[in-house]
Amino acid sequence: MFHSIGMRLAGWYAIAATVTLACLFVVGYQLLYTRMMRGLDLLNHSEAQQIRAHLGPDFAQLGLEEIDQRIRETTEFASALFYINVHNPANDIMFYSHNLNGVAIPDVKGEHRFNAEIPGVGPVRVDEYVRDGIDIVVATPSTQVNAALSDYIEICVALLVAMLIVSTAVGYGLSRVALGPVRSIAETARRIGSDNLSERMPVADVRDEISDLARLLNEMFDRLEVSFNQIRRFTAEASHELKTPLSLVRLHAEKLLVEDKLLPSQEEALHILLEEIGHLDGIIDQLLFLSRVDAKVTRLDLATQDPEPFLRSFIPDASVLAEHRGLRFEFSHTGANEIRFDAKWIRQVLLNLLSNAIKASPARGLIRLESRVDDDGWRVAVEDHGRGLPPTELERIFERFVRVPGTGYDDGKGSGLGLSICRSILDLHGGRIRAENIVPDGGLRVIFEIPA
């Protein structure tokens, strides 16, 4: 129901406070009810004692008229407060008060104190006293008691609603204060990435669970930073050191070809060797570029220019590459505005995207390049009509060394670095790149955007 710890804590606090108050109100209701009923019972008991005293010790020899007269002497002045029945063990009525209007007080077998309803009178509290062969039943109206209890319930309900609202607000405020360090940790963790591993979580001076968590996370990021730096240093150094031996191997292979003293099979093997050396040299160049980007030493030659002339110069090369593979190529451009970008690196991005689209397209397929410039920036989309990608791979293909077999984007020769380089170049431009499947026709659309 609640999507954050703060809201859950506020809800739990409000529920706990409200339930606690409700339990107190229930206990209070029971105590109030017991006290008020006991008060009515004391009134009934006092009235019964007075009746018994006025009858005297010789009531057994008295006639009904004399009994009626003695009881009425003590009950008439309290006729608004008490309703009285007196009868003998044979259940013969010896006296009943005029305010009953001929209606008997209800009797509950086996009970001497109970609540009842008298027709024409309303709710009453009834007490029955049996002594010396006489049964005195006294009832007192409980209307005011019931009204007081109803008012108590209404006040309690109103207080519970107020308590729920106030405790929710107070609980939310307390949770915001208590979870402030957690939010600070989350914001810092959100900023930390592979290019920003030096930042650390703020640690409070107070020694508690949250500060311990921050210290543990800082220790983990310390280890990650060391590991990342070692990997970057190894990649850069290994790539740099491989350039010299590869150049020597290429030089000796080309020298053997120039001397023309080899058998045809040997020449073919040397050509294959040179081709693989060229492929390996390209991978090293890509790794060196990514290492320079990670180290933040790559600098762009940014220039503010209209993208349309740049694209017009790129289109002939793109058309030749597509036609060489038996594919069709379409281009469209709309809008006009000047964008700040490095033409050399954006050309590299377009070549990488076009190369992937060519690999994925079926025979005689169509590749489309769409460009749009407006006040927000420059948007370029490269589309193919291949198989597309599984939804889970649309983001992963921009990671290093990721290839997706069976989709046409893996010809067995790629390094899996092309799209990663595209993303690094777009990051340097302050832009972004993403991929999406073309629905329902099929194929993949790769889009990059550079802000104005």
Protein backbone atom coordinates (compact mmCIF):
# COMPACT_ATOMS: atom_id res chain seq x y z
CA MET A 1 0.00 0.00 0.00
CA PHE A 2 2.75 2.43 1.02
CA HIS A 3 5.70 2.71 -1.35
CA SER A 4 8.26 4.24 1.02
CA ILE A 5 9.63 3.40 4.44
CA GLY A 6 8.71 6.89 5.66
CA MET A 7 5.05 6.42 4.77
CA ARG A 8 5.01 2.94 6.28
CA LEU A 9 6.56 4.22 9.51
CA ALA A 10 4.03 7.05 9.64
CA GLY A 11 1.20 4.57 9.04
CA TRP A 12 2.43 2.16 11.70
CA TYR A 13 2.89 5.00 14.19
CA ALA A 14 -0.60 6.35 13.49
CA ILE A 15 -2.21 2.91 13.75
CA ALA A 16 -0.35 2.07 16.98
CA ALA A 17 -1.24 5.41 18.59
CA THR A 18 -4.89 5.21 17.49
CA VAL A 19 -5.31 1.58 18.59
CA THR A 20 -3.72 2.39 21.96
CA LEU A 21 -6.08 5.33 22.45
CA ALA A 22 -9.04 3.18 21.35
CA CYS A 23 -8.13 0.55 23.96
CA LEU A 24 -7.95 3.25 26.63
CA PHE A 25 -11.37 4.54 25.56
CA VAL A 26 -12.84 1.02 25.77
CA VAL A 27 -11.44 0.58 29.26
CA GLY A 28 -12.73 4.03 30.19
CA TYR A 29 -16.17 3.16 28.83
CA GLN A 30 -16.30 0.01 30.92
CA LEU A 31 -15.20 1.87 34.05
CA LEU A 32 -17.68 4.70 33.43
CA TYR A 33 -20.51 2.27 32.76
CA THR A 34 -19.72 0.26 35.91
CA ARG A 35 -19.54 3.38 38.07
CA MET A 36 -22.80 4.82 36.76
CA MET A 37 -24.65 1.53 37.13
CA ARG A 38 -23.28 1.18 40.66
CA GLY A 39 -24.61 4.66 41.44
CA LEU A 40 -28.08 3.67 40.24
CA ASP A 41 -27.86 0.45 42.25
CA LEU A 42 -27.00 2.45 45.39
CA LEU A 43 -30.05 4.68 44.83
CA ASN A 44 -32.27 1.63 44.40
CA HIS A 45 -30.78 0.02 47.49
CA SER A 46 -31.38 3.14 49.61
CA GLU A 47 -34.99 3.33 48.41
CA ALA A 48 -35.54 -0.34 49.20
CA GLN A 49 -34.09 0.14 52.68
CA GLN A 50 -36.46 3.04 53.34
CA ILE A 51 -39.44 1.00 52.17
CA ARG A 52 -38.44 -1.88 54.41
CA ALA A 53 -37.98 0.49 57.37
CA HIS A 54 -41.43 2.10 56.88
CA LEU A 55 -43.12 -1.27 56.76
CA GLY A 56 -41.77 -2.03 60.23
CA PRO A 57 -41.19 -5.38 61.87
CA ASP A 58 -44.91 -6.20 62.01
CA PHE A 59 -45.63 -5.94 58.28
CA ALA A 60 -46.75 -9.57 58.23
CA GLN A 61 -49.86 -8.68 60.33
CA LEU A 62 -50.71 -5.64 58.20
CA GLY A 63 -53.45 -5.59 55.62
CA LEU A 64 -52.91 -4.60 52.01
CA GLU A 65 -54.38 -1.13 52.49
CA GLU A 66 -52.13 -0.39 55.45
CA ILE A 67 -49.04 -1.73 53.57
CA ASP A 68 -49.94 0.44 50.59
CA GLN A 69 -50.33 3.49 52.83
CA ARG A 70 -46.98 3.00 54.63
CA ILE A 71 -45.04 2.45 51.38
CA ARG A 72 -46.73 5.33 49.60
CA GLU A 73 -45.77 7.71 52.42
CA THR A 74 -42.10 7.17 51.59
CA THR A 75 -42.32 6.82 47.80
CA GLU A 76 -44.67 9.55 46.61
CA PHE A 77 -42.14 12.33 47.00
CA ALA A 78 -39.65 10.37 44.78
CA SER A 79 -42.16 9.17 42.18
CA ALA A 80 -40.18 10.86 39.39
CA LEU A 81 -37.08 8.90 40.33
CA PHE A 82 -38.24 5.41 41.34
CA TYR A 83 -40.65 2.81 40.01
CA ILE A 84 -41.62 0.25 42.68
CA ASN A 85 -43.26 -3.16 42.86
CA VAL A 86 -43.74 -5.09 46.14
CA HIS A 87 -45.07 -8.65 46.20
CA ASN A 88 -45.05 -11.65 48.48
CA PRO A 89 -43.44 -15.06 47.89
CA ALA A 90 -46.64 -16.21 46.16
CA ASN A 91 -46.04 -13.41 43.67
CA ASP A 92 -49.18 -11.57 44.77
CA ILE A 93 -48.83 -7.84 44.16
CA MET A 94 -48.86 -5.98 47.46
CA PHE A 95 -47.95 -2.56 46.06
CA TYR A 96 -47.04 -0.80 42.85
CA SER A 97 -46.26 2.88 42.33
CA HIS A 98 -48.77 5.05 40.45
CA ASN A 99 -46.13 6.18 37.92
CA LEU A 100 -46.10 2.65 36.45
CA ASN A 101 -49.68 3.22 35.20
CA GLY A 102 -50.58 -0.39 35.90
CA VAL A 103 -47.56 -1.87 34.08
CA ALA A 104 -45.44 -4.34 36.04
CA ILE A 105 -41.68 -4.06 36.17
CA PRO A 106 -40.12 -6.86 34.02
CA ASP A 107 -38.60 -9.80 35.87
CA VAL A 108 -35.52 -11.72 34.76
CA LYS A 109 -35.29 -15.17 36.30
CA GLY A 110 -32.16 -15.70 38.37
CA GLU A 111 -31.09 -12.03 38.14
CA HIS A 112 -31.42 -9.46 40.92
CA ARG A 113 -29.75 -6.57 39.11
CA PHE A 114 -30.35 -5.95 35.44
CA ASN A 115 -31.32 -3.45 32.77
CA ALA A 116 -34.83 -3.52 31.36
CA GLU A 117 -37.32 -1.61 29.26
CA ILE A 118 -40.70 -0.59 30.73
CA PRO A 119 -43.39 0.25 28.15
CA GLY A 120 -44.29 3.90 28.40
CA VAL A 121 -41.36 4.60 30.73
CA GLY A 122 -38.22 3.65 28.82
CA PRO A 123 -34.95 2.05 29.89
CA VAL A 124 -34.50 1.46 33.62
CA ARG A 125 -32.06 -0.10 36.05
CA VAL A 126 -33.81 -2.74 38.13
CA ASP A 127 -32.79 -4.04 41.56
CA GLU A 128 -34.66 -6.80 43.40
CA TYR A 129 -34.37 -7.28 47.21
CA VAL A 130 -35.87 -10.35 48.88
CA ARG A 131 -35.93 -10.31 52.69
CA ASP A 132 -38.18 -11.54 55.47
CA GLY A 133 -40.69 -12.96 53.03
CA ILE A 134 -41.17 -9.78 51.04
CA ASP A 135 -39.88 -9.01 47.53
CA ILE A 136 -39.17 -5.33 46.82
CA VAL A 137 -38.41 -4.39 43.18
CA VAL A 138 -37.07 -0.87 42.60
CA ALA A 139 -36.34 0.57 39.13
CA THR A 140 -34.58 3.85 38.31
CA PRO A 141 -34.63 5.48 34.84
CA SER A 142 -31.30 5.00 33.02
CA THR A 143 -32.05 7.38 30.14
CA GLN A 144 -29.56 9.98 31.28
CA VAL A 145 -26.92 7.32 31.87
CA ASN A 146 -27.41 5.96 28.34
CA ALA A 147 -27.28 9.48 26.93
CA ALA A 148 -24.05 10.18 28.79
CA LEU A 149 -22.54 6.95 27.49
CA SER A 150 -23.63 7.80 23.93
CA ASP A 151 -22.02 11.23 24.24
CA TYR A 152 -18.88 9.54 25.53
CA ILE A 153 -18.81 7.24 22.48
CA GLU A 154 -19.29 10.17 20.08
CA ILE A 155 -16.50 12.14 21.75
CA CYS A 156 -14.22 9.09 21.65
CA VAL A 157 -14.87 8.52 17.93
CA ALA A 158 -14.13 12.19 17.19
CA LEU A 159 -10.94 12.01 19.26
CA LEU A 160 -9.88 8.80 17.49
CA VAL A 161 -10.30 10.44 14.08
CA ALA A 162 -8.35 13.47 15.27
CA MET A 163 -5.71 11.18 16.76
CA LEU A 164 -5.38 9.27 13.49
CA ILE A 165 -4.86 12.49 11.50
CA VAL A 166 -2.50 14.12 13.98
CA SER A 167 -0.47 10.96 14.61
CA THR A 168 -0.12 10.40 10.83
CA ALA A 169 1.23 13.93 10.40
CA VAL A 170 3.51 13.62 13.43
CA GLY A 171 4.68 10.15 12.36
CA TYR A 172 5.46 11.38 8.85
CA GLY A 173 7.42 14.32 10.27
CA LEU A 174 9.37 12.06 12.62
CA SER A 175 10.07 9.59 9.81
CA ARG A 176 11.36 12.41 7.60
CA VAL A 177 13.73 13.47 10.35
CA ALA A 178 14.79 9.91 11.19
CA LEU A 179 15.30 8.90 7.54
CA GLY A 180 17.11 12.11 6.56
CA PRO A 181 20.54 10.42 6.71
CA VAL A 182 19.21 7.53 4.60
CA ARG A 183 18.02 9.96 1.90
CA SER A 184 21.40 11.66 1.95
CA ILE A 185 23.09 8.28 1.51
CA ALA A 186 20.74 7.41 -1.36
CA GLU A 187 21.36 10.72 -3.15
CA THR A 188 25.12 10.27 -2.84
CA ALA A 189 24.93 6.65 -4.03
CA ARG A 190 22.86 7.79 -7.02
CA ARG A 191 25.60 10.24 -8.02
CA ILE A 192 28.42 7.74 -7.68
CA GLY A 193 29.26 5.97 -10.93
CA SER A 194 32.21 4.47 -12.74
CA ASP A 195 33.34 8.00 -13.59
CA ASN A 196 32.80 9.36 -10.06
CA LEU A 197 34.06 6.77 -7.62
CA SER A 198 35.87 9.26 -5.39
CA GLU A 199 32.72 10.65 -3.74
CA ARG A 200 31.71 9.13 -0.40
CA MET A 201 28.64 8.86 1.83
CA PRO A 202 28.24 11.45 4.59
CA VAL A 203 28.81 9.86 8.01
CA ALA A 204 27.10 11.36 11.07
CA ASP A 205 29.01 11.89 14.29
CA VAL A 206 26.42 9.83 16.17
CA ARG A 207 27.27 6.14 16.38
CA ASP A 208 24.14 4.32 15.23
CA GLU A 209 22.98 1.79 12.63
CA ILE A 210 22.74 4.37 9.83
CA SER A 211 26.24 5.74 10.40
CA ASP A 212 27.56 2.15 10.50
CA LEU A 213 25.82 1.49 7.16
CA ALA A 214 27.39 4.63 5.67
CA ARG A 215 30.84 3.53 6.84
CA LEU A 216 30.37 0.05 5.34
CA LEU A 217 29.26 1.55 2.02
CA ASN A 218 32.25 3.89 2.00
CA GLU A 219 34.56 0.96 2.61
CA MET A 220 32.91 -0.93 -0.26
CA PHE A 221 33.32 2.06 -2.60
CA ASP A 222 36.96 2.34 -1.55
CA ARG A 223 37.50 -1.23 -2.71
CA LEU A 224 35.53 -0.61 -5.92
CA GLU A 225 37.56 2.51 -6.71
CA VAL A 226 40.81 0.61 -6.27
CA SER A 227 39.53 -2.22 -8.50
CA PHE A 228 38.28 0.16 -11.20
CA ASN A 229 41.55 2.07 -11.23
CA GLN A 230 43.52 -1.15 -11.53
CA ILE A 231 41.34 -2.35 -14.41
CA ARG A 232 41.57 0.99 -16.22
CA ARG A 233 45.33 1.16 -15.73
CA PHE A 234 45.75 -2.42 -16.93
CA THR A 235 43.56 -1.80 -19.99
CA ALA A 236 45.39 1.38 -20.93
CA GLU A 237 48.87 -0.04 -20.32
CA ALA A 238 48.16 -3.39 -21.96
CA SER A 239 46.63 -1.72 -25.01
CA HIS A 240 49.56 0.65 -25.31
CA GLU A 241 52.16 -2.08 -24.89
CA LEU A 242 50.49 -4.27 -27.54
CA LYS A 243 50.77 -1.59 -30.22
CA THR A 244 54.56 -1.99 -30.66
CA PRO A 245 54.74 -5.81 -31.05
CA LEU A 246 51.73 -5.74 -33.38
CA SER A 247 53.41 -3.10 -35.53
CA LEU A 248 56.56 -5.26 -35.70
CA VAL A 249 54.57 -8.35 -36.67
CA ARG A 250 52.75 -6.34 -39.37
CA LEU A 251 56.05 -4.92 -40.64
CA HIS A 252 57.71 -8.35 -40.96
CA ALA A 253 54.62 -9.85 -42.60
CA GLU A 254 54.48 -7.06 -45.19
CA LYS A 255 58.23 -7.41 -45.82
CA LEU A 256 57.79 -11.12 -46.59
CA LEU A 257 55.02 -10.26 -49.03
CA VAL A 258 57.13 -7.62 -50.74
CA GLU A 259 60.06 -10.04 -51.23
CA ASP A 260 57.71 -12.32 -53.21
CA LYS A 261 59.56 -15.52 -52.20
CA LEU A 262 56.59 -17.35 -50.68
CA LEU A 263 54.36 -20.07 -52.00
CA PRO A 264 50.77 -19.09 -52.83
CA SER A 265 49.43 -20.88 -49.74
CA GLN A 266 51.95 -19.05 -47.58
CA GLU A 267 50.99 -15.71 -49.11
CA GLU A 268 47.33 -16.43 -48.40
CA ALA A 269 48.17 -17.24 -44.79
CA LEU A 270 50.08 -13.97 -44.47
CA HIS A 271 47.14 -12.01 -45.88
CA ILE A 272 44.84 -13.63 -43.29
CA LEU A 273 47.41 -12.82 -40.59
CA LEU A 274 47.53 -9.17 -41.67
CA GLU A 275 43.75 -8.99 -41.70
CA GLU A 276 43.53 -10.33 -38.14
CA ILE A 277 46.31 -7.99 -37.03
CA GLY A 278 44.31 -5.10 -38.45
CA HIS A 279 41.22 -6.32 -36.59
CA LEU A 280 43.20 -6.64 -33.35
CA ASP A 281 44.75 -3.22 -33.87
CA GLY A 282 41.24 -1.75 -34.21
CA ILE A 283 40.17 -3.34 -30.92
CA ILE A 284 43.24 -1.90 -29.19
CA ASP A 285 42.44 1.55 -30.56
CA GLN A 286 38.90 1.22 -29.22
CA LEU A 287 40.13 0.16 -25.80
CA LEU A 288 42.57 3.06 -25.72
CA PHE A 289 39.77 5.46 -26.60
CA LEU A 290 37.52 4.10 -23.82
CA SER A 291 40.43 4.28 -21.36
CA ARG A 292 41.02 7.92 -22.27
CA VAL A 293 37.32 8.66 -21.83
CA ASP A 294 37.33 6.96 -18.41
CA ALA A 295 40.39 8.96 -17.41
CA LYS A 296 38.68 12.18 -18.64
CA VAL A 297 41.60 13.10 -20.88
CA THR A 298 39.69 12.93 -24.19
CA ARG A 299 39.03 16.39 -25.57
CA LEU A 300 36.51 17.25 -28.27
CA ASP A 301 36.95 19.76 -31.04
CA LEU A 302 33.47 21.21 -30.61
CA ALA A 303 32.12 23.63 -33.21
CA THR A 304 28.73 25.27 -33.49
CA GLN A 305 27.37 24.36 -36.93
CA ASP A 306 24.33 23.34 -38.91
CA PRO A 307 24.11 19.49 -38.99
CA GLU A 308 22.62 19.39 -42.51
CA PRO A 309 25.86 20.07 -44.49
CA PHE A 310 27.67 17.56 -42.28
CA LEU A 311 25.03 14.91 -43.03
CA ARG A 312 25.04 15.70 -46.75
CA SER A 313 28.77 14.92 -46.81
CA PHE A 314 28.23 11.65 -44.95
CA ILE A 315 25.31 10.33 -47.05
CA PRO A 316 27.34 9.33 -50.17
CA ASP A 317 29.61 7.11 -48.06
CA ALA A 318 26.61 5.60 -46.28
CA SER A 319 24.85 4.88 -49.58
CA VAL A 320 27.96 3.16 -51.01
CA LEU A 321 28.32 0.96 -47.90
CA ALA A 322 24.65 -0.08 -48.06
CA GLU A 323 24.62 -0.70 -51.84
CA HIS A 324 27.80 -2.78 -51.55
CA ARG A 325 25.81 -5.20 -49.37
CA GLY A 326 22.80 -5.12 -51.69
CA LEU A 327 20.72 -2.92 -49.40
CA ARG A 328 18.64 0.20 -49.98
CA PHE A 329 19.37 3.43 -48.15
CA GLU A 330 17.04 6.36 -47.42
CA PHE A 331 17.81 9.68 -45.80
CA SER A 332 15.64 12.54 -44.54
CA HIS A 333 16.38 15.73 -42.64
CA THR A 334 14.02 18.36 -41.24
CA GLY A 335 14.48 21.58 -39.32
CA ALA A 336 17.28 24.08 -39.06
CA ASN A 337 19.32 25.13 -36.08
CA GLU A 338 22.96 25.25 -35.06
CA ILE A 339 24.27 22.49 -32.79
CA ARG A 340 27.61 22.29 -31.00
CA PHE A 341 29.32 18.98 -31.86
CA ASP A 342 32.60 17.41 -33.00
CA ALA A 343 32.08 16.31 -36.62
CA LYS A 344 34.86 13.70 -36.53
CA TRP A 345 33.45 11.80 -33.55
CA ILE A 346 29.80 12.09 -34.63
CA ARG A 347 30.84 10.66 -38.00
CA GLN A 348 32.34 7.73 -36.08
CA VAL A 349 29.01 7.26 -34.24
CA LEU A 350 27.08 7.23 -37.54
CA LEU A 351 29.50 4.76 -39.10
CA ASN A 352 29.17 2.41 -36.11
CA LEU A 353 25.38 2.58 -36.19
CA LEU A 354 25.30 2.11 -39.97
CA SER A 355 27.67 -0.87 -39.75
CA ASN A 356 25.42 -2.56 -37.17
CA ALA A 357 22.32 -1.87 -39.27
CA ILE A 358 23.98 -3.37 -42.37
CA LYS A 359 24.94 -6.52 -40.45
CA ALA A 360 21.39 -6.97 -39.13
CA SER A 361 19.47 -6.23 -42.36
CA PRO A 362 18.18 -9.03 -44.60
CA ALA A 363 19.02 -9.16 -48.30
CA ARG A 364 17.61 -6.19 -50.25
CA GLY A 365 16.51 -4.67 -46.96
CA LEU A 366 16.03 -1.00 -46.22
CA ILE A 367 18.17 1.18 -43.96
CA ARG A 368 16.78 4.57 -43.06
CA LEU A 369 18.57 7.52 -41.49
CA GLU A 370 16.27 10.23 -40.15
CA SER A 371 17.50 13.55 -38.76
CA ARG A 372 15.55 16.34 -37.10
CA VAL A 373 16.79 19.63 -35.68
CA ASP A 374 14.67 21.93 -33.55
CA ASP A 375 15.01 24.33 -30.63
CA ASP A 376 15.60 21.41 -28.21
CA GLY A 377 18.50 19.91 -30.13
CA TRP A 378 19.47 17.39 -32.77
CA ARG A 379 17.86 13.94 -33.01
CA VAL A 380 19.16 11.21 -35.32
CA ALA A 381 17.61 7.75 -35.79
CA VAL A 382 19.13 4.83 -37.74
CA GLU A 383 16.60 2.10 -38.61
CA ASP A 384 16.98 -1.39 -40.04
CA HIS A 385 14.45 -4.08 -40.83
CA GLY A 386 16.27 -6.96 -39.17
CA ARG A 387 15.06 -9.15 -36.31
CA GLY A 388 15.33 -6.52 -33.61
CA LEU A 389 16.46 -7.33 -30.08
CA PRO A 390 14.90 -8.98 -27.02
CA PRO A 391 13.55 -6.25 -24.70
CA THR A 392 16.07 -7.26 -22.02
CA GLU A 393 18.97 -6.51 -24.38
CA LEU A 394 17.94 -3.01 -25.50
CA GLU A 395 20.01 -1.39 -22.76
CA ARG A 396 22.75 -4.03 -22.43
CA ILE A 397 23.97 -3.63 -26.02
CA PHE A 398 25.58 -0.32 -24.99
CA GLU A 399 27.79 -2.09 -22.47
CA ARG A 400 31.32 -3.17 -23.33
CA PHE A 401 31.91 -6.54 -25.03
CA VAL A 402 28.17 -7.31 -25.21
CA ARG A 403 27.03 -9.09 -28.34
CA VAL A 404 23.67 -10.71 -28.97
CA PRO A 405 24.01 -13.91 -31.05
CA GLY A 406 21.21 -14.83 -33.41
CA THR A 407 20.00 -11.28 -34.03
CA GLY A 408 22.27 -10.29 -36.91
CA TYR A 409 24.23 -7.89 -34.73
CA ASP A 410 26.94 -10.49 -34.12
CA ASP A 411 28.87 -11.53 -37.24
CA GLY A 412 31.58 -13.29 -35.24
CA LYS A 413 34.13 -10.56 -35.93
CA GLY A 414 32.87 -7.66 -33.85
CA SER A 415 34.45 -6.74 -30.55
CA GLY A 416 31.25 -5.61 -28.82
CA LEU A 417 32.76 -2.17 -28.26
CA GLY A 418 31.14 -0.17 -31.05
CA LEU A 419 27.95 0.88 -29.27
CA SER A 420 29.86 1.41 -26.02
CA ILE A 421 32.10 3.86 -27.88
CA CYS A 422 29.00 5.55 -29.33
CA ARG A 423 27.60 6.07 -25.86
CA SER A 424 30.92 7.44 -24.58
CA ILE A 425 31.07 9.92 -27.48
CA LEU A 426 27.48 11.03 -26.88
CA ASP A 427 28.21 11.40 -23.14
CA LEU A 428 31.07 13.72 -24.00
CA HIS A 429 28.61 15.80 -26.06
CA GLY A 430 26.14 15.88 -23.17
CA GLY A 431 23.73 13.76 -25.21
CA ARG A 432 22.27 10.30 -24.90
CA ILE A 433 21.65 7.21 -27.02
CA ARG A 434 19.03 4.49 -26.79
CA ALA A 435 17.57 1.62 -28.82
CA GLU A 436 14.00 0.50 -29.43
CA ASN A 437 12.32 -2.20 -31.47
CA ILE A 438 10.21 -1.07 -34.43
CA VAL A 439 6.63 -2.21 -33.89
CA PRO A 440 4.93 -3.89 -35.70
CA ASP A 441 7.16 -4.05 -38.78
CA GLY A 442 10.18 -5.42 -36.95
CA GLY A 443 13.72 -4.15 -36.90
CA LEU A 444 15.70 -1.90 -34.61
CA ARG A 445 15.83 1.86 -34.27
CA VAL A 446 18.88 3.40 -32.57
CA ILE A 447 18.40 7.04 -31.60
CA PHE A 448 20.89 9.56 -30.36
CA GLU A 449 20.19 13.12 -29.26
CA ILE A 450 22.46 16.11 -28.72
CA PRO A 451 20.94 19.08 -26.87
CA ALA A 452 20.94 22.51 -28.50
